């Protein structure tokens, strides 16, 4: 009976290690190309991160980033939970934007 209680407690404690995602995107994105993925890992509770940032350097012809999606699957979250946040891996997916000036005022034509 105690083993069942211990297993249930471990299962309940692992629930916060679930999936998550954060999306950063322009109000009217103008996507170009296929999404690119970069594996990122933060150490020491987020004090050190490798790579430190995602830049538009891989986008062609002066394009900027249109969408950035940061995802963490169950196993990445579980590793962060087991290490008490000392190692937290994530997957960063980014998509480039079409080259050109963005519309003024953050909107399109009316």
PDB file of N, CA and C in Angstrom:
ATOM      1  N   UNK A   1       0.817  -1.197   0.000  1.00  0.00           N
ATOM      2  CA  UNK A   1       0.000   0.000   0.000  1.00  0.00           C
ATOM      3  C   UNK A   1       0.861   1.262   0.000  1.00  0.00           C
ATOM      4  N   UNK A   2       1.981   1.199   0.735  1.00  0.00           N
ATOM      5  CA  UNK A   2       2.850   2.375   0.769  1.00  0.00           C
ATOM      6  C   UNK A   2       3.493   2.613  -0.585  1.00  0.00           C
ATOM      7  N   UNK A   3       3.779   1.563  -1.333  1.00  0.00           N
ATOM      8  CA  UNK A   3       4.379   1.727  -2.661  1.00  0.00           C
ATOM      9  C   UNK A   3       3.399   2.408  -3.609  1.00  0.00           C
ATOM     10  N   UNK A   4       2.132   2.098  -3.473  1.00  0.00           N
ATOM     11  CA  UNK A   4       1.117   2.734  -4.315  1.00  0.00           C
ATOM     12  C   UNK A   4       1.015   4.217  -3.977  1.00  0.00           C
ATOM     13  N   UNK A   5       1.042   4.553  -2.700  1.00  0.00           N
ATOM     14  CA  UNK A   5       0.989   5.955  -2.289  1.00  0.00           C
ATOM     15  C   UNK A   5       2.225   6.707  -2.769  1.00  0.00           C
ATOM     16  N   UNK A   6       3.384   6.072  -2.682  1.00  0.00           N
ATOM     17  CA  UNK A   6       4.625   6.704  -3.137  1.00  0.00           C
ATOM     18  C   UNK A   6       4.594   6.915  -4.642  1.00  0.00           C
ATOM     19  N   UNK A   7       4.116   5.930  -5.390  1.00  0.00           N
ATOM     20  CA  UNK A   7       4.013   6.057  -6.844  1.00  0.00           C
ATOM     21  C   UNK A   7       3.029   7.166  -7.221  1.00  0.00           C
ATOM     22  N   UNK A   8       1.904   7.252  -6.512  1.00  0.00           N
ATOM     23  CA  UNK A   8       0.919   8.298  -6.774  1.00  0.00           C
ATOM     24  C   UNK A   8       1.495   9.680  -6.463  1.00  0.00           C
ATOM     25  N   UNK A   9       2.246   9.783  -5.376  1.00  0.00           N
ATOM     26  CA  UNK A   9       2.867  11.064  -5.022  1.00  0.00           C
ATOM     27  C   UNK A   9       3.891  11.482  -6.072  1.00  0.00           C
ATOM     28  N   UNK A  10       4.690  10.549  -6.555  1.00  0.00           N
ATOM     29  CA  UNK A  10       5.678  10.866  -7.600  1.00  0.00           C
ATOM     30  C   UNK A  10       4.988  11.293  -8.887  1.00  0.00           C
ATOM     31  N   UNK A  11       3.891  10.633  -9.224  1.00  0.00           N
ATOM     32  CA  UNK A  11       3.142  10.992 -10.416  1.00  0.00           C
ATOM     33  C   UNK A  11       2.572  12.401 -10.298  1.00  0.00           C
ATOM     34  N   UNK A  12       2.004  12.731  -9.148  1.00  0.00           N
ATOM     35  CA  UNK A  12       1.450  14.072  -8.941  1.00  0.00           C
ATOM     36  C   UNK A  12       2.529  15.141  -8.959  1.00  0.00           C
ATOM     37  N   UNK A  13       3.696  14.828  -8.439  1.00  0.00           N
ATOM     38  CA  UNK A  13       4.781  15.802  -8.441  1.00  0.00           C
ATOM     39  C   UNK A  13       5.354  16.038  -9.829  1.00  0.00           C
ATOM     40  N   UNK A  14       5.231  15.062 -10.713  1.00  0.00           N
ATOM     41  CA  UNK A  14       5.776  15.225 -12.061  1.00  0.00           C
ATOM     42  C   UNK A  14       4.834  15.978 -12.992  1.00  0.00           C
ATOM     43  N   UNK A  15       3.599  16.223 -12.590  1.00  0.00           N
ATOM     44  CA  UNK A  15       2.638  16.920 -13.438  1.00  0.00           C
ATOM     45  C   UNK A  15       3.103  18.329 -13.812  1.00  0.00           C
ATOM     46  N   UNK A  16       3.717  19.126 -12.915  1.00  0.00           N
ATOM     47  CA  UNK A  16       4.169  20.456 -13.324  1.00  0.00           C
ATOM     48  C   UNK A  16       5.243  20.430 -14.402  1.00  0.00           C
ATOM     49  N   UNK A  17       5.817  19.278 -14.698  1.00  0.00           N
ATOM     50  CA  UNK A  17       6.858  19.182 -15.711  1.00  0.00           C
ATOM     51  C   UNK A  17       6.262  18.991 -17.094  1.00  0.00           C
ATOM     52  N   UNK A  18       5.067  19.459 -17.318  1.00  0.00           N
ATOM     53  CA  UNK A  18       4.367  19.236 -18.582  1.00  0.00           C
ATOM     54  C   UNK A  18       4.863  20.113 -19.714  1.00  0.00           C
ATOM     55  N   UNK A  19       4.094  20.101 -20.777  1.00  0.00           N
ATOM     56  CA  UNK A  19       4.448  20.836 -21.989  1.00  0.00           C
ATOM     57  C   UNK A  19       4.090  22.313 -21.834  1.00  0.00           C
ATOM     58  N   UNK A  20       4.751  23.146 -22.624  1.00  0.00           N
ATOM     59  CA  UNK A  20       4.419  24.570 -22.666  1.00  0.00           C
ATOM     60  C   UNK A  20       4.902  25.130 -23.985  1.00  0.00           C
ATOM     61  N   UNK A  21       4.310  26.239 -24.397  1.00  0.00           N
ATOM     62  CA  UNK A  21       4.804  26.948 -25.568  1.00  0.00           C
ATOM     63  C   UNK A  21       4.471  28.419 -25.442  1.00  0.00           C
ATOM     64  N   UNK A  22       5.332  29.247 -26.026  1.00  0.00           N
ATOM     65  CA  UNK A  22       5.153  30.689 -26.033  1.00  0.00           C
ATOM     66  C   UNK A  22       5.330  31.165 -27.465  1.00  0.00           C
ATOM     67  N   UNK A  23       4.392  31.943 -27.976  1.00  0.00           N
ATOM     68  CA  UNK A  23       4.429  32.433 -29.351  1.00  0.00           C
ATOM     69  C   UNK A  23       4.585  33.944 -29.343  1.00  0.00           C
ATOM     70  N   UNK A  24       5.564  34.435 -30.101  1.00  0.00           N
ATOM     71  CA  UNK A  24       5.757  35.873 -30.299  1.00  0.00           C
ATOM     72  C   UNK A  24       5.624  36.109 -31.795  1.00  0.00           C
ATOM     73  N   UNK A  25       4.664  36.964 -32.162  1.00  0.00           N
ATOM     74  CA  UNK A  25       4.381  37.148 -33.579  1.00  0.00           C
ATOM     75  C   UNK A  25       3.813  38.538 -33.811  1.00  0.00           C
ATOM     76  N   UNK A  26       4.081  39.075 -34.975  1.00  0.00           N
ATOM     77  CA  UNK A  26       3.517  40.365 -35.361  1.00  0.00           C
ATOM     78  C   UNK A  26       2.008  40.225 -35.550  1.00  0.00           C
ATOM     79  N   UNK A  27       1.234  41.334 -35.414  1.00  0.00           N
ATOM     80  CA  UNK A  27      -0.216  41.243 -35.560  1.00  0.00           C
ATOM     81  C   UNK A  27      -0.657  40.693 -36.924  1.00  0.00           C
ATOM     82  N   UNK A  28       0.037  41.071 -37.978  1.00  0.00           N
ATOM     83  CA  UNK A  28      -0.268  40.562 -39.310  1.00  0.00           C
ATOM     84  C   UNK A  28       1.035  40.046 -39.918  1.00  0.00           C
ATOM     85  N   UNK A  29       1.428  38.832 -39.551  1.00  0.00           N
ATOM     86  CA  UNK A  29       2.718  38.338 -40.018  1.00  0.00           C
ATOM     87  C   UNK A  29       2.721  38.081 -41.518  1.00  0.00           C
ATOM     88  N   UNK A  30       3.842  38.345 -42.133  1.00  0.00           N
ATOM     89  CA  UNK A  30       4.056  38.075 -43.551  1.00  0.00           C
ATOM     90  C   UNK A  30       5.158  37.027 -43.619  1.00  0.00           C
ATOM     91  N   UNK A  31       4.776  35.776 -43.535  1.00  0.00           N
ATOM     92  CA  UNK A  31       5.733  34.686 -43.409  1.00  0.00           C
ATOM     93  C   UNK A  31       6.381  34.358 -44.746  1.00  0.00           C
ATOM     94  N   UNK A  32       7.667  34.020 -44.688  1.00  0.00           N
ATOM     95  CA  UNK A  32       8.418  33.623 -45.877  1.00  0.00           C
ATOM     96  C   UNK A  32       9.297  32.438 -45.527  1.00  0.00           C
ATOM     97  N   UNK A  33       9.269  31.433 -46.354  1.00  0.00           N
ATOM     98  CA  UNK A  33      10.138  30.287 -46.117  1.00  0.00           C
ATOM     99  C   UNK A  33       9.555  29.302 -45.131  1.00  0.00           C
ATOM    100  N   UNK A  34      10.360  28.298 -44.824  1.00  0.00           N
ATOM    101  CA  UNK A  34       9.924  27.261 -43.902  1.00  0.00           C
ATOM    102  C   UNK A  34      10.453  27.557 -42.509  1.00  0.00           C
ATOM    103  N   UNK A  35       9.738  27.132 -41.488  1.00  0.00           N
ATOM    104  CA  UNK A  35      10.216  27.353 -40.119  1.00  0.00           C
ATOM    105  C   UNK A  35      11.538  26.636 -39.860  1.00  0.00           C
ATOM    106  N   UNK A  36      12.410  27.262 -39.114  1.00  0.00           N
ATOM    107  CA  UNK A  36      13.706  26.705 -38.728  1.00  0.00           C
ATOM    108  C   UNK A  36      13.664  26.419 -37.238  1.00  0.00           C
ATOM    109  N   UNK A  37      14.331  25.341 -36.817  1.00  0.00           N
ATOM    110  CA  UNK A  37      14.366  24.994 -35.397  1.00  0.00           C
ATOM    111  C   UNK A  37      15.774  25.088 -34.845  1.00  0.00           C
ATOM    112  N   UNK A  38      15.867  25.573 -33.599  1.00  0.00           N
ATOM    113  CA  UNK A  38      17.124  25.667 -32.876  1.00  0.00           C
ATOM    114  C   UNK A  38      16.883  25.071 -31.492  1.00  0.00           C
ATOM    115  N   UNK A  39      17.767  24.198 -31.065  1.00  0.00           N
ATOM    116  CA  UNK A  39      17.684  23.648 -29.708  1.00  0.00           C
ATOM    117  C   UNK A  39      18.397  24.617 -28.767  1.00  0.00           C
ATOM    118  N   UNK A  40      17.753  24.946 -27.683  1.00  0.00           N
ATOM    119  CA  UNK A  40      18.302  25.893 -26.719  1.00  0.00           C
ATOM    120  C   UNK A  40      18.251  25.269 -25.326  1.00  0.00           C
ATOM    121  N   UNK A  41      19.236  25.579 -24.512  1.00  0.00           N
ATOM    122  CA  UNK A  41      19.272  25.086 -23.143  1.00  0.00           C
ATOM    123  C   UNK A  41      19.656  26.220 -22.212  1.00  0.00           C
ATOM    124  N   UNK A  42      18.891  26.381 -21.150  1.00  0.00           N
ATOM    125  CA  UNK A  42      19.208  27.372 -20.121  1.00  0.00           C
ATOM    126  C   UNK A  42      19.762  26.636 -18.905  1.00  0.00           C
ATOM    127  N   UNK A  43      20.752  27.236 -18.281  1.00  0.00           N
ATOM    128  CA  UNK A  43      21.394  26.655 -17.103  1.00  0.00           C
ATOM    129  C   UNK A  43      21.263  27.609 -15.928  1.00  0.00           C
ATOM    130  N   UNK A  44      21.378  27.059 -14.741  1.00  0.00           N
ATOM    131  CA  UNK A  44      21.388  27.846 -13.495  1.00  0.00           C
ATOM    132  C   UNK A  44      20.148  28.721 -13.361  1.00  0.00           C
ATOM    133  N   UNK A  45      18.987  28.132 -13.604  1.00  0.00           N
ATOM    134  CA  UNK A  45      17.740  28.879 -13.444  1.00  0.00           C
ATOM    135  C   UNK A  45      17.545  29.976 -14.465  1.00  0.00           C
ATOM    136  N   UNK A  46      18.136  29.841 -15.642  1.00  0.00           N
ATOM    137  CA  UNK A  46      17.983  30.832 -16.701  1.00  0.00           C
ATOM    138  C   UNK A  46      19.060  31.892 -16.725  1.00  0.00           C
ATOM    139  N   UNK A  47      20.046  31.805 -15.849  1.00  0.00           N
ATOM    140  CA  UNK A  47      21.119  32.797 -15.819  1.00  0.00           C
ATOM    141  C   UNK A  47      22.048  32.689 -17.029  1.00  0.00           C
ATOM    142  N   UNK A  48      22.218  31.466 -17.547  1.00  0.00           N
ATOM    143  CA  UNK A  48      23.071  31.224 -18.708  1.00  0.00           C
ATOM    144  C   UNK A  48      22.241  30.474 -19.732  1.00  0.00           C
ATOM    145  N   UNK A  49      22.249  30.934 -20.975  1.00  0.00           N
ATOM    146  CA  UNK A  49      21.478  30.269 -22.016  1.00  0.00           C
ATOM    147  C   UNK A  49      22.341  30.085 -23.250  1.00  0.00           C
ATOM    148  N   UNK A  50      22.253  28.896 -23.860  1.00  0.00           N
ATOM    149  CA  UNK A  50      22.996  28.583 -25.072  1.00  0.00           C
ATOM    150  C   UNK A  50      22.030  28.077 -26.119  1.00  0.00           C
ATOM    151  N   UNK A  51      21.909  28.671 -27.285  1.00  0.00           N
ATOM    152  CA  UNK A  51      22.467  29.962 -27.666  1.00  0.00           C
ATOM    153  C   UNK A  51      21.771  31.088 -26.901  1.00  0.00           C
ATOM    154  N   UNK A  52      22.453  32.196 -26.789  1.00  0.00           N
ATOM    155  CA  UNK A  52      21.952  33.316 -25.997  1.00  0.00           C
ATOM    156  C   UNK A  52      20.771  34.030 -26.615  1.00  0.00           C
ATOM    157  N   UNK A  53      20.630  33.940 -27.958  1.00  0.00           N
ATOM    158  CA  UNK A  53      19.532  34.615 -28.641  1.00  0.00           C
ATOM    159  C   UNK A  53      19.335  33.979 -30.012  1.00  0.00           C
ATOM    160  N   UNK A  54      18.188  34.238 -30.611  1.00  0.00           N
ATOM    161  CA  UNK A  54      17.909  33.817 -31.980  1.00  0.00           C
ATOM    162  C   UNK A  54      17.860  35.081 -32.815  1.00  0.00           C
ATOM    163  N   UNK A  55      18.708  35.165 -33.832  1.00  0.00           N
ATOM    164  CA  UNK A  55      18.737  36.364 -34.660  1.00  0.00           C
ATOM    165  C   UNK A  55      18.233  36.051 -36.056  1.00  0.00           C
ATOM    166  N   UNK A  56      18.001  37.078 -36.822  1.00  0.00           N
ATOM    167  CA  UNK A  56      17.527  36.929 -38.191  1.00  0.00           C
ATOM    168  C   UNK A  56      18.693  36.760 -39.162  1.00  0.00           C
ATOM    169  N   UNK A  57      19.866  36.407 -38.652  1.00  0.00           N
ATOM    170  CA  UNK A  57      21.044  36.274 -39.517  1.00  0.00           C
ATOM    171  C   UNK A  57      20.864  35.198 -40.579  1.00  0.00           C
ATOM    172  N   UNK A  58      20.069  34.177 -40.299  1.00  0.00           N
ATOM    173  CA  UNK A  58      19.844  33.108 -41.278  1.00  0.00           C
ATOM    174  C   UNK A  58      18.760  33.459 -42.286  1.00  0.00           C
ATOM    175  N   UNK A  59      18.033  34.536 -42.061  1.00  0.00           N
ATOM    176  CA  UNK A  59      17.026  34.983 -43.019  1.00  0.00           C
ATOM    177  C   UNK A  59      17.735  35.646 -44.197  1.00  0.00           C
ATOM    178  N   UNK A  60      17.195  35.495 -45.400  1.00  0.00           N
ATOM    179  CA  UNK A  60      17.853  36.009 -46.597  1.00  0.00           C
ATOM    180  C   UNK A  60      17.303  37.372 -46.993  1.00  0.00           C
ATOM    181  N   UNK A  61      18.103  38.115 -47.712  1.00  0.00           N
ATOM    182  CA  UNK A  61      17.712  39.393 -48.319  1.00  0.00           C
ATOM    183  C   UNK A  61      17.213  40.414 -47.302  1.00  0.00           C
ATOM    184  N   UNK A  62      17.801  40.472 -46.133  1.00  0.00           N
ATOM    185  CA  UNK A  62      17.448  41.480 -45.139  1.00  0.00           C
ATOM    186  C   UNK A  62      16.120  41.255 -44.451  1.00  0.00           C
ATOM    187  N   UNK A  63      15.577  40.049 -44.538  1.00  0.00           N
ATOM    188  CA  UNK A  63      14.298  39.767 -43.883  1.00  0.00           C
ATOM    189  C   UNK A  63      14.474  39.744 -42.379  1.00  0.00           C
ATOM    190  N   UNK A  64      13.405  39.995 -41.680  1.00  0.00           N
ATOM    191  CA  UNK A  64      13.397  39.966 -40.224  1.00  0.00           C
ATOM    192  C   UNK A  64      12.624  38.737 -39.755  1.00  0.00           C
ATOM    193  N   UNK A  65      12.561  38.542 -38.446  1.00  0.00           N
ATOM    194  CA  UNK A  65      11.787  37.439 -37.893  1.00  0.00           C
ATOM    195  C   UNK A  65      10.311  37.819 -37.866  1.00  0.00           C
ATOM    196  N   UNK A  66       9.448  36.914 -38.318  1.00  0.00           N
ATOM    197  CA  UNK A  66       8.008  37.170 -38.291  1.00  0.00           C
ATOM    198  C   UNK A  66       7.342  36.449 -37.132  1.00  0.00           C
ATOM    199  N   UNK A  67       7.882  35.267 -36.782  1.00  0.00           N
ATOM    200  CA  UNK A  67       7.257  34.470 -35.738  1.00  0.00           C
ATOM    201  C   UNK A  67       8.343  33.700 -35.010  1.00  0.00           C
ATOM    202  N   UNK A  68       8.236  33.687 -33.681  1.00  0.00           N
ATOM    203  CA  UNK A  68       9.139  32.892 -32.848  1.00  0.00           C
ATOM    204  C   UNK A  68       8.270  32.085 -31.891  1.00  0.00           C
ATOM    205  N   UNK A  69       8.453  30.774 -31.918  1.00  0.00           N
ATOM    206  CA  UNK A  69       7.697  29.869 -31.062  1.00  0.00           C
ATOM    207  C   UNK A  69       8.683  29.101 -30.195  1.00  0.00           C
ATOM    208  N   UNK A  70       8.546  29.246 -28.879  1.00  0.00           N
ATOM    209  CA  UNK A  70       9.398  28.530 -27.928  1.00  0.00           C
ATOM    210  C   UNK A  70       8.567  27.407 -27.337  1.00  0.00           C
ATOM    211  N   UNK A  71       9.035  26.173 -27.506  1.00  0.00           N
ATOM    212  CA  UNK A  71       8.286  25.014 -27.037  1.00  0.00           C
ATOM    213  C   UNK A  71       9.120  24.191 -26.075  1.00  0.00           C
ATOM    214  N   UNK A  72       8.435  23.549 -25.164  1.00  0.00           N
ATOM    215  CA  UNK A  72       9.071  22.584 -24.270  1.00  0.00           C
ATOM    216  C   UNK A  72       8.156  21.375 -24.193  1.00  0.00           C
ATOM    217  N   UNK A  73       8.663  20.206 -24.591  1.00  0.00           N
ATOM    218  CA  UNK A  73       7.844  19.008 -24.512  1.00  0.00           C
ATOM    219  C   UNK A  73       7.924  18.419 -23.107  1.00  0.00           C
ATOM    220  N   UNK A  74       7.229  17.310 -22.903  1.00  0.00           N
ATOM    221  CA  UNK A  74       7.164  16.732 -21.569  1.00  0.00           C
ATOM    222  C   UNK A  74       8.543  16.359 -21.045  1.00  0.00           C
ATOM    223  N   UNK A  75       9.365  15.720 -21.862  1.00  0.00           N
ATOM    224  CA  UNK A  75      10.674  15.250 -21.385  1.00  0.00           C
ATOM    225  C   UNK A  75      11.627  16.411 -21.103  1.00  0.00           C
ATOM    226  N   UNK A  76      11.545  17.475 -21.889  1.00  0.00           N
ATOM    227  CA  UNK A  76      12.356  18.655 -21.598  1.00  0.00           C
ATOM    228  C   UNK A  76      11.922  19.280 -20.281  1.00  0.00           C
ATOM    229  N   UNK A  77      10.611  19.365 -20.054  1.00  0.00           N
ATOM    230  CA  UNK A  77      10.100  19.886 -18.789  1.00  0.00           C
ATOM    231  C   UNK A  77      10.433  18.982 -17.621  1.00  0.00           C
ATOM    232  N   UNK A  78      10.388  17.678 -17.846  1.00  0.00           N
ATOM    233  CA  UNK A  78      10.723  16.720 -16.796  1.00  0.00           C
ATOM    234  C   UNK A  78      12.188  16.855 -16.392  1.00  0.00           C
ATOM    235  N   UNK A  79      13.078  17.042 -17.375  1.00  0.00           N
ATOM    236  CA  UNK A  79      14.493  17.246 -17.059  1.00  0.00           C
ATOM    237  C   UNK A  79      14.682  18.517 -16.238  1.00  0.00           C
ATOM    238  N   UNK A  80      13.962  19.592 -16.589  1.00  0.00           N
ATOM    239  CA  UNK A  80      14.026  20.817 -15.809  1.00  0.00           C
ATOM    240  C   UNK A  80      13.522  20.620 -14.391  1.00  0.00           C
ATOM    241  N   UNK A  81      12.487  19.807 -14.238  1.00  0.00           N
ATOM    242  CA  UNK A  81      11.925  19.544 -12.912  1.00  0.00           C
ATOM    243  C   UNK A  81      12.888  18.708 -12.078  1.00  0.00           C
ATOM    244  N   UNK A  82      13.447  17.650 -12.692  1.00  0.00           N
ATOM    245  CA  UNK A  82      14.366  16.765 -11.969  1.00  0.00           C
ATOM    246  C   UNK A  82      15.615  17.520 -11.502  1.00  0.00           C
ATOM    247  N   UNK A  83      16.104  18.449 -12.329  1.00  0.00           N
ATOM    248  CA  UNK A  83      17.318  19.192 -11.976  1.00  0.00           C
ATOM    249  C   UNK A  83      17.010  20.473 -11.208  1.00  0.00           C
ATOM    250  N   UNK A  84      15.754  20.641 -10.788  1.00  0.00           N
ATOM    251  CA  UNK A  84      15.316  21.836 -10.038  1.00  0.00           C
ATOM    252  C   UNK A  84      15.599  23.131 -10.796  1.00  0.00           C
ATOM    253  N   UNK A  85      15.443  23.089 -12.116  1.00  0.00           N
ATOM    254  CA  UNK A  85      15.635  24.278 -12.941  1.00  0.00           C
ATOM    255  C   UNK A  85      17.073  24.591 -13.288  1.00  0.00           C
ATOM    256  N   UNK A  86      18.000  23.738 -12.906  1.00  0.00           N
ATOM    257  CA  UNK A  86      19.403  23.990 -13.234  1.00  0.00           C
ATOM    258  C   UNK A  86      19.691  23.755 -14.716  1.00  0.00           C
ATOM    259  N   UNK A  87      18.936  22.863 -15.361  1.00  0.00           N
ATOM    260  CA  UNK A  87      19.059  22.598 -16.797  1.00  0.00           C
ATOM    261  C   UNK A  87      17.645  22.572 -17.361  1.00  0.00           C
ATOM    262  N   UNK A  88      17.329  23.494 -18.270  1.00  0.00           N
ATOM    263  CA  UNK A  88      15.994  23.540 -18.861  1.00  0.00           C
ATOM    264  C   UNK A  88      16.108  23.664 -20.383  1.00  0.00           C
ATOM    265  N   UNK A  89      16.012  22.543 -21.090  1.00  0.00           N
ATOM    266  CA  UNK A  89      16.080  22.593 -22.550  1.00  0.00           C
ATOM    267  C   UNK A  89      14.756  23.026 -23.169  1.00  0.00           C
ATOM    268  N   UNK A  90      14.826  23.702 -24.309  1.00  0.00           N
ATOM    269  CA  UNK A  90      13.651  24.114 -25.066  1.00  0.00           C
ATOM    270  C   UNK A  90      13.957  23.988 -26.556  1.00  0.00           C
ATOM    271  N   UNK A  91      12.918  24.061 -27.357  1.00  0.00           N
ATOM    272  CA  UNK A  91      13.051  24.100 -28.807  1.00  0.00           C
ATOM    273  C   UNK A  91      12.516  25.444 -29.276  1.00  0.00           C
ATOM    274  N   UNK A  92      13.324  26.183 -30.031  1.00  0.00           N
ATOM    275  CA  UNK A  92      12.922  27.485 -30.551  1.00  0.00           C
ATOM    276  C   UNK A  92      12.696  27.330 -32.052  1.00  0.00           C
ATOM    277  N   UNK A  93      11.482  27.620 -32.499  1.00  0.00           N
ATOM    278  CA  UNK A  93      11.152  27.553 -33.928  1.00  0.00           C
ATOM    279  C   UNK A  93      10.903  28.974 -34.407  1.00  0.00           C
ATOM    280  N   UNK A  94      11.577  29.376 -35.476  1.00  0.00           N
ATOM    281  CA  UNK A  94      11.376  30.734 -35.978  1.00  0.00           C
ATOM    282  C   UNK A  94      11.112  30.707 -37.473  1.00  0.00           C
ATOM    283  N   UNK A  95      10.357  31.708 -37.930  1.00  0.00           N
ATOM    284  CA  UNK A  95      10.025  31.853 -39.338  1.00  0.00           C
ATOM    285  C   UNK A  95      10.387  33.267 -39.760  1.00  0.00           C
ATOM    286  N   UNK A  96      11.031  33.388 -40.908  1.00  0.00           N
ATOM    287  CA  UNK A  96      11.418  34.702 -41.421  1.00  0.00           C
ATOM    288  C   UNK A  96      10.218  35.414 -42.044  1.00  0.00           C
ATOM    289  N   UNK A  97      10.319  36.729 -42.138  1.00  0.00           N
ATOM    290  CA  UNK A  97       9.270  37.545 -42.747  1.00  0.00           C
ATOM    291  C   UNK A  97       9.690  37.929 -44.159  1.00  0.00           C
ATOM    292  N   UNK A  98       8.716  38.332 -44.961  1.00  0.00           N
ATOM    293  CA  UNK A  98       9.036  38.859 -46.281  1.00  0.00           C
ATOM    294  C   UNK A  98       9.798  40.162 -46.111  1.00  0.00           C
ATOM    295  N   UNK A  99      10.727  40.432 -47.012  1.00  0.00           N
ATOM    296  CA  UNK A  99      11.481  41.684 -46.961  1.00  0.00           C
ATOM    297  C   UNK A  99      10.549  42.835 -47.319  1.00  0.00           C
ATOM    298  N   UNK A 100      10.825  43.975 -46.752  1.00  0.00           N
ATOM    299  CA  UNK A 100      10.003  45.152 -47.031  1.00  0.00           C
ATOM    300  C   UNK A 100       9.656  45.870 -45.754  1.00  0.00           C
ATOM    301  N   UNK A 101       9.149  47.051 -45.895  1.00  0.00           N
ATOM    302  CA  UNK A 101       8.787  47.874 -44.759  1.00  0.00           C
ATOM    303  C   UNK A 101       7.486  47.378 -44.137  1.00  0.00           C
ATOM    304  N   UNK A 102       7.399  47.318 -42.812  1.00  0.00           N
ATOM    305  CA  UNK A 102       6.129  46.943 -42.195  1.00  0.00           C
ATOM    306  C   UNK A 102       5.128  48.090 -42.329  1.00  0.00           C
ATOM    307  N   UNK A 103       3.817  47.789 -42.297  1.00  0.00           N
ATOM    308  CA  UNK A 103       2.838  48.863 -42.382  1.00  0.00           C
ATOM    309  C   UNK A 103       2.889  49.766 -41.158  1.00  0.00           C
ATOM    310  N   UNK A 104       2.648  51.039 -41.367  1.00  0.00           N
ATOM    311  CA  UNK A 104       2.642  51.987 -40.256  1.00  0.00           C
ATOM    312  C   UNK A 104       1.414  51.763 -39.390  1.00  0.00           C
ATOM    313  N   UNK A 105       1.548  51.969 -38.107  1.00  0.00           N
ATOM    314  CA  UNK A 105       0.421  51.846 -37.195  1.00  0.00           C
ATOM    315  C   UNK A 105       0.069  50.415 -36.857  1.00  0.00           C
ATOM    316  N   UNK A 106       0.865  49.462 -37.311  1.00  0.00           N
ATOM    317  CA  UNK A 106       0.650  48.081 -36.968  1.00  0.00           C
ATOM    318  C   UNK A 106      -0.536  47.422 -37.656  1.00  0.00           C
ATOM    319  N   UNK A 107      -1.120  48.067 -38.627  1.00  0.00           N
ATOM    320  CA  UNK A 107      -2.263  47.455 -39.296  1.00  0.00           C
ATOM    321  C   UNK A 107      -2.129  47.517 -40.790  1.00  0.00           C
ATOM    322  N   UNK A 108      -3.036  46.897 -41.453  1.00  0.00           N
ATOM    323  CA  UNK A 108      -3.035  46.904 -42.915  1.00  0.00           C
ATOM    324  C   UNK A 108      -3.919  48.031 -43.439  1.00  0.00           C
ATOM    325  N   UNK A 109      -4.316  47.911 -44.686  1.00  0.00           N
ATOM    326  CA  UNK A 109      -5.171  48.942 -45.286  1.00  0.00           C
ATOM    327  C   UNK A 109      -6.584  48.833 -44.722  1.00  0.00           C
ATOM    328  N   UNK A 110      -7.281  49.967 -44.660  1.00  0.00           N
ATOM    329  CA  UNK A 110      -8.636  49.982 -44.107  1.00  0.00           C
ATOM    330  C   UNK A 110      -9.624  50.326 -45.154  1.00  0.00           C
TER     331      UNK A 110
END
